[in-house]
Amino acid sequence: MLMNATKAPITTTLVGMNVSVFAAMVLTGVSPLAPTIPQLLKWGANYGPLSLGAEPWRILASNYVHGGIIHIALNMWCLWNLGFLAERIFEPWTYVLTYTACGLAGSLASLWRHPGDVGVGASGAIFGLAGALIAALYLGHLPIPKQAMQSTLKSLLVFAGYNLFFGAAIRIVDNSAHIGGLLAGLAIGAVLSKHLMAPPEIRNRWRNGVFVAAAIVLFLAFELVKRVSGMAPP
């Protein structure tokens, strides 16, 4: 799908941030094909003993770090296509906050399932964006022709289903981050869906409340994962 970047400023910015981080990694000597674990950790990879200890910033930073050119190319292709749709359905702050919250949820799910593994990539956030779009399209009563709505929903469901199956089949893929992001996106999209067409003041008030609640849930999830993982320092 070819798109005009001026019609997708949020998506263009997010893709640019991810590509800029990867370019900086390569320019400082990181392998573009197979970065080592120490190199990924240096750039902010998600890793239980650090993320659940003194460096919780990794839970977010790891969303912008990728494990090679193929990894980032696949993720950015998915983000570019999903993001263009998201910019047509969500206003900018809803898009940015949904993407960020789902990325955090994916990182936390990864820490819960694999606290001793190193995790990187934007796929949790991307799956979350797909989940939010699915919920918004299905529940939001948007002014979109029925045939176009059904076709888009089918494409989103195929995207999520295929990639979850692919993730289950390939051992190095962190499917827990995919599932965590997807579930967070479905929940956020479902709660926001009824107000997507409301007047701006109502829509913004509802959005602010939803993401304050999401921040609280994510903080509690962080504390829970830290407690049950056994990886954080005493």
Protein backbone atom coordinates (compact mmCIF):
# COMPACT_ATOMS: atom_id res chain seq x y z
CA MET A 1 0.00 0.00 0.00
CA LEU A 2 1.46 3.38 -1.06
CA MET A 3 0.63 6.29 1.20
CA ASN A 4 1.42 9.98 1.45
CA ALA A 5 3.45 10.57 4.60
CA THR A 6 1.80 13.97 5.08
CA LYS A 7 -1.50 12.15 5.61
CA ALA A 8 0.01 9.94 8.31
CA PRO A 9 2.20 12.21 10.46
CA ILE A 10 2.01 10.09 13.63
CA THR A 11 2.87 6.90 11.79
CA THR A 12 5.68 8.61 9.91
CA THR A 13 7.08 9.91 13.21
CA LEU A 14 6.90 6.50 14.91
CA VAL A 15 8.54 4.76 11.97
CA GLY A 16 11.18 7.49 11.87
CA MET A 17 11.94 7.05 15.58
CA ASN A 18 12.39 3.30 15.20
CA VAL A 19 14.54 3.64 12.08
CA SER A 20 16.63 6.40 13.70
CA VAL A 21 17.41 4.20 16.71
CA PHE A 22 18.37 1.32 14.43
CA ALA A 23 20.55 3.59 12.28
CA ALA A 24 22.29 4.94 15.38
CA MET A 25 22.93 1.39 16.57
CA VAL A 26 24.51 0.41 13.24
CA LEU A 27 26.57 3.60 13.02
CA THR A 28 28.07 2.88 16.45
CA GLY A 29 29.17 -0.61 15.44
CA VAL A 30 26.15 -2.83 16.10
CA SER A 31 25.71 -5.58 13.50
CA PRO A 32 22.77 -4.76 11.18
CA LEU A 33 22.07 -8.47 10.72
CA ALA A 34 22.65 -10.10 14.09
CA PRO A 35 23.19 -7.76 17.07
CA THR A 36 24.64 -9.46 20.12
CA ILE A 37 22.81 -9.60 23.44
CA PRO A 38 25.26 -7.18 25.12
CA GLN A 39 24.72 -4.73 22.26
CA LEU A 40 20.92 -4.96 22.58
CA LEU A 41 21.14 -4.52 26.34
CA LYS A 42 23.31 -1.44 25.85
CA TRP A 43 20.60 0.11 23.69
CA GLY A 44 17.72 -0.61 26.08
CA ALA A 45 16.52 -4.18 25.56
CA ASN A 46 13.92 -5.55 27.95
CA TYR A 47 15.51 -7.93 30.49
CA GLY A 48 13.98 -9.00 33.80
CA PRO A 49 16.86 -8.38 36.23
CA LEU A 50 17.26 -4.85 34.83
CA SER A 51 13.74 -3.89 33.74
CA LEU A 52 12.20 -5.09 37.01
CA GLY A 53 15.04 -3.64 39.04
CA ALA A 54 16.84 -0.33 38.72
CA GLU A 55 16.10 0.28 35.00
CA PRO A 56 12.33 0.10 34.41
CA TRP A 57 12.71 2.55 31.50
CA ARG A 58 13.68 -0.47 29.42
CA ILE A 59 10.04 -1.58 29.35
CA LEU A 60 9.36 1.37 27.04
CA ALA A 61 12.76 1.83 25.39
CA SER A 62 12.86 -1.78 24.17
CA ASN A 63 9.88 -1.00 21.92
CA TYR A 64 12.22 1.10 19.76
CA VAL A 65 15.13 -1.36 19.61
CA HIS A 66 15.26 -4.10 16.97
CA GLY A 67 17.31 -7.24 16.53
CA GLY A 68 18.45 -6.75 12.95
CA ILE A 69 17.39 -5.33 9.60
CA ILE A 70 14.83 -8.05 8.86
CA HIS A 71 13.21 -7.59 12.27
CA ILE A 72 12.78 -3.85 11.89
CA ALA A 73 11.74 -4.09 8.23
CA LEU A 74 8.88 -6.47 9.01
CA ASN A 75 7.73 -4.45 12.01
CA MET A 76 7.84 -1.13 10.19
CA TRP A 77 5.96 -2.53 7.21
CA CYS A 78 3.17 -3.65 9.57
CA LEU A 79 3.20 -0.35 11.47
CA TRP A 80 3.08 1.68 8.27
CA ASN A 81 0.00 -0.13 7.00
CA LEU A 82 -1.86 -0.32 10.33
CA GLY A 83 -0.89 3.23 11.24
CA PHE A 84 -2.47 4.76 8.16
CA LEU A 85 -5.81 3.21 9.17
CA ALA A 86 -5.33 4.26 12.79
CA GLU A 87 -4.86 7.90 11.74
CA ARG A 88 -8.22 7.80 9.99
CA ILE A 89 -10.06 6.39 13.02
CA PHE A 90 -8.28 7.81 16.09
CA GLU A 91 -7.33 11.38 16.84
CA PRO A 92 -3.55 11.88 17.35
CA TRP A 93 -3.34 11.60 21.14
CA THR A 94 -5.52 8.48 21.18
CA TYR A 95 -3.26 6.86 18.60
CA VAL A 96 -0.01 7.76 20.40
CA LEU A 97 -1.28 6.74 23.85
CA THR A 98 -2.77 3.49 22.55
CA TYR A 99 0.47 2.57 20.79
CA THR A 100 2.53 3.38 23.89
CA ALA A 101 0.25 1.63 26.39
CA CYS A 102 0.11 -1.51 24.25
CA GLY A 103 3.88 -1.51 23.85
CA LEU A 104 4.25 -1.36 27.63
CA ALA A 105 1.68 -4.14 28.04
CA GLY A 106 3.58 -6.31 25.57
CA SER A 107 6.85 -5.73 27.41
CA LEU A 108 5.25 -6.61 30.75
CA ALA A 109 3.71 -9.78 29.30
CA SER A 110 7.14 -10.74 27.99
CA LEU A 111 8.71 -10.16 31.41
CA TRP A 112 5.99 -12.25 33.04
CA ARG A 113 6.48 -15.21 30.69
CA HIS A 114 10.24 -14.94 30.03
CA PRO A 115 11.89 -12.77 32.71
CA GLY A 116 15.32 -14.23 31.96
CA ASP A 117 15.21 -13.58 28.22
CA VAL A 118 16.17 -10.43 26.33
CA GLY A 119 13.32 -8.83 24.38
CA VAL A 120 13.26 -6.06 21.76
CA GLY A 121 10.93 -4.75 19.09
CA ALA A 122 7.77 -2.80 18.36
CA SER A 123 5.55 -5.83 17.77
CA GLY A 124 3.68 -5.60 21.10
CA ALA A 125 2.68 -2.02 20.29
CA ILE A 126 1.81 -2.97 16.70
CA PHE A 127 -0.37 -5.89 17.79
CA GLY A 128 -2.02 -3.54 20.28
CA LEU A 129 -2.78 -1.08 17.49
CA ALA A 130 -4.35 -3.93 15.51
CA GLY A 131 -6.44 -4.94 18.54
CA ALA A 132 -7.64 -1.37 19.12
CA LEU A 133 -8.62 -1.06 15.46
CA ILE A 134 -10.51 -4.37 15.54
CA ALA A 135 -12.50 -3.28 18.61
CA ALA A 136 -13.13 0.21 17.26
CA LEU A 137 -14.35 -1.03 13.89
CA TYR A 138 -16.55 -3.75 15.39
CA LEU A 139 -18.06 -1.71 18.22
CA GLY A 140 -17.68 1.91 17.21
CA HIS A 141 -20.56 2.44 14.74
CA LEU A 142 -18.23 4.42 12.49
CA PRO A 143 -19.45 6.07 9.27
CA ILE A 144 -17.79 3.46 7.06
CA PRO A 145 -19.63 1.45 4.38
CA LYS A 146 -20.51 -2.04 5.58
CA GLN A 147 -18.58 -3.81 2.84
CA ALA A 148 -15.43 -1.77 3.50
CA MET A 149 -15.83 -2.35 7.25
CA GLN A 150 -16.12 -6.12 6.82
CA SER A 151 -13.15 -6.24 4.45
CA THR A 152 -10.96 -4.21 6.82
CA LEU A 153 -11.99 -6.27 9.85
CA LYS A 154 -11.21 -9.46 7.96
CA SER A 155 -7.76 -8.15 7.03
CA LEU A 156 -7.04 -7.17 10.65
CA LEU A 157 -8.17 -10.54 11.98
CA VAL A 158 -6.09 -12.37 9.38
CA PHE A 159 -3.09 -10.22 10.31
CA ALA A 160 -3.46 -11.00 14.02
CA GLY A 161 -4.22 -14.69 13.53
CA TYR A 162 -1.45 -15.35 11.04
CA ASN A 163 1.19 -13.57 13.09
CA LEU A 164 0.17 -15.27 16.33
CA PHE A 165 0.39 -18.64 14.56
CA PHE A 166 3.75 -17.66 13.07
CA GLY A 167 4.95 -16.56 16.50
CA ALA A 168 3.90 -19.87 18.06
CA ALA A 169 5.74 -21.82 15.38
CA ILE A 170 9.02 -19.90 15.57
CA ARG A 171 10.73 -20.27 18.92
CA ILE A 172 12.70 -17.02 18.82
CA VAL A 173 9.52 -14.94 18.34
CA ASP A 174 8.17 -13.53 21.61
CA ASN A 175 4.50 -14.34 21.24
CA SER A 176 3.79 -13.30 24.82
CA ALA A 177 4.53 -9.68 23.85
CA HIS A 178 2.21 -10.05 20.86
CA ILE A 179 -0.62 -11.41 22.99
CA GLY A 180 -0.09 -8.85 25.76
CA GLY A 181 -0.18 -5.98 23.30
CA LEU A 182 -3.16 -7.40 21.41
CA LEU A 183 -5.26 -7.88 24.56
CA ALA A 184 -4.43 -4.39 25.78
CA GLY A 185 -5.39 -2.95 22.40
CA LEU A 186 -8.68 -4.84 22.30
CA ALA A 187 -9.55 -3.56 25.78
CA ILE A 188 -8.59 0.05 25.04
CA GLY A 189 -10.35 0.02 21.68
CA ALA A 190 -13.51 -1.47 23.18
CA VAL A 191 -13.69 1.16 25.94
CA LEU A 192 -13.01 4.03 23.54
CA SER A 193 -15.24 2.77 20.72
CA LYS A 194 -18.56 4.25 21.87
CA HIS A 195 -17.12 7.76 22.04
CA LEU A 196 -15.08 7.90 18.84
CA MET A 197 -17.79 9.94 17.12
CA ALA A 198 -18.70 12.08 20.16
CA PRO A 199 -18.10 15.85 20.24
CA PRO A 200 -14.43 16.71 20.88
CA GLU A 201 -14.84 17.77 24.51
CA ILE A 202 -16.62 14.52 25.44
CA ARG A 203 -14.24 12.39 23.39
CA ASN A 204 -11.18 14.03 24.95
CA ARG A 205 -12.53 13.74 28.49
CA TRP A 206 -13.28 10.07 27.97
CA ARG A 207 -9.86 9.46 26.39
CA ASN A 208 -8.07 11.10 29.30
CA GLY A 209 -9.98 8.98 31.81
CA VAL A 210 -9.27 5.79 29.88
CA PHE A 211 -5.54 6.35 29.74
CA VAL A 212 -5.26 7.42 33.36
CA ALA A 213 -6.93 4.10 34.20
CA ALA A 214 -4.60 2.30 31.76
CA ALA A 215 -1.56 3.87 33.47
CA ILE A 216 -2.77 2.64 36.85
CA VAL A 217 -3.37 -0.87 35.50
CA LEU A 218 0.06 -0.96 33.88
CA PHE A 219 1.73 0.18 37.11
CA LEU A 220 -0.10 -2.52 39.09
CA ALA A 221 0.86 -5.08 36.43
CA PHE A 222 4.49 -4.00 36.74
CA GLU A 223 4.39 -4.50 40.51
CA LEU A 224 2.72 -7.89 40.09
CA VAL A 225 5.23 -9.10 37.50
CA LYS A 226 8.07 -7.90 39.71
CA ARG A 227 6.62 -9.84 42.63
CA VAL A 228 5.98 -13.13 40.81
CA SER A 229 9.02 -13.21 38.51
CA GLY A 230 11.64 -13.59 41.20
CA MET A 231 14.04 -11.69 38.93
CA ALA A 232 14.03 -8.29 40.63
CA PRO A 233 16.61 -7.56 43.33
CA PRO A 234 15.31 -7.72 46.93
